[in-house]
Amino acid sequence: MAFNDPMPTGVTVSQSGRMFLCHPRWGLPMPATLVELRDGQRVPYPNQNWNSPSGDADPGAFVSLQAIVV
């Protein structure tokens, strides 16, 4: 599998084979900072609400993940 833009900074795979990627925002518009790769598509994980922070210090959302471990 090749990763094109956006390039993830973190990749992890669960024991059951689920793949998760994180994409820091770094000032760029990013639809989701944490996604699960499903059938070749990036799907916001656990949902879009968690990937839609209201600001740089939103305690109820992911703001800009840079690494992930399952």
Protein backbone atom coordinates (compact mmCIF):
# COMPACT_ATOMS: atom_id res chain seq x y z
CA MET A 1 0.00 0.00 0.00
CA ALA A 2 1.29 3.47 -0.89
CA PHE A 3 0.42 6.50 1.20
CA ASN A 4 -0.02 9.68 -0.80
CA ASP A 5 -1.08 13.09 0.44
CA PRO A 6 -1.75 13.44 3.22
CA MET A 7 1.22 11.42 4.46
CA PRO A 8 0.51 9.88 7.89
CA THR A 9 2.97 10.34 10.75
CA GLY A 10 1.65 7.35 12.66
CA VAL A 11 0.47 3.94 11.49
CA THR A 12 -0.62 1.03 13.65
CA VAL A 13 -2.40 -2.28 13.08
CA SER A 14 -4.55 -4.07 15.65
CA GLN A 15 -4.35 -7.80 16.32
CA SER A 16 -7.49 -8.25 14.24
CA GLY A 17 -5.90 -6.42 11.27
CA ARG A 18 -7.58 -3.01 11.57
CA MET A 19 -5.25 -0.24 10.36
CA PHE A 20 -5.22 3.24 11.91
CA LEU A 21 -3.41 6.33 10.63
CA CYS A 22 -2.85 9.73 12.18
CA HIS A 23 -2.33 12.96 10.31
CA PRO A 24 -1.20 16.04 12.26
CA ARG A 25 -2.84 19.24 11.15
CA TRP A 26 0.39 21.34 11.09
CA GLY A 27 -1.57 24.36 9.89
CA LEU A 28 -3.07 22.55 6.91
CA PRO A 29 -6.77 21.78 6.56
CA MET A 30 -7.21 18.12 7.49
CA PRO A 31 -10.61 16.40 7.37
CA ALA A 32 -9.57 14.03 10.21
CA THR A 33 -6.45 13.63 12.32
CA LEU A 34 -7.23 9.98 13.23
CA VAL A 35 -8.63 7.59 10.64
CA GLU A 36 -9.21 3.89 10.17
CA LEU A 37 -8.30 2.56 6.75
CA ARG A 38 -11.31 0.59 5.45
CA ASP A 39 -11.37 -0.82 1.94
CA GLY A 40 -8.66 1.68 0.95
CA GLN A 41 -10.64 4.66 2.26
CA ARG A 42 -9.76 6.88 5.23
CA VAL A 43 -12.72 6.89 7.66
CA PRO A 44 -12.63 9.30 10.64
CA TYR A 45 -12.20 7.32 13.87
CA PRO A 46 -14.16 6.94 16.06
CA ASN A 47 -16.32 9.48 14.21
CA GLN A 48 -16.18 12.91 12.57
CA ASN A 49 -17.15 14.71 15.81
CA TRP A 50 -13.95 13.55 17.53
CA ASN A 51 -12.00 14.82 14.51
CA SER A 52 -13.62 18.28 14.42
CA PRO A 53 -12.04 20.32 17.22
CA SER A 54 -13.48 23.74 17.98
CA GLY A 55 -9.97 25.12 18.55
CA ASP A 56 -6.39 24.26 19.43
CA ALA A 57 -7.28 23.22 22.99
CA ASP A 58 -10.59 21.37 22.58
CA PRO A 59 -10.76 18.71 25.36
CA GLY A 60 -13.62 16.91 23.59
CA ALA A 61 -11.89 16.25 20.28
CA PHE A 62 -8.63 15.13 18.71
CA VAL A 63 -6.74 18.26 17.70
CA SER A 64 -3.57 17.10 15.92
CA LEU A 65 -2.37 13.53 16.54
CA GLN A 66 1.23 12.74 15.66
CA ALA A 67 1.58 9.12 16.75
CA ILE A 68 -0.65 6.18 17.59
CA VAL A 69 -0.27 2.75 19.20
CA VAL A 70 -2.91 0.03 19.49
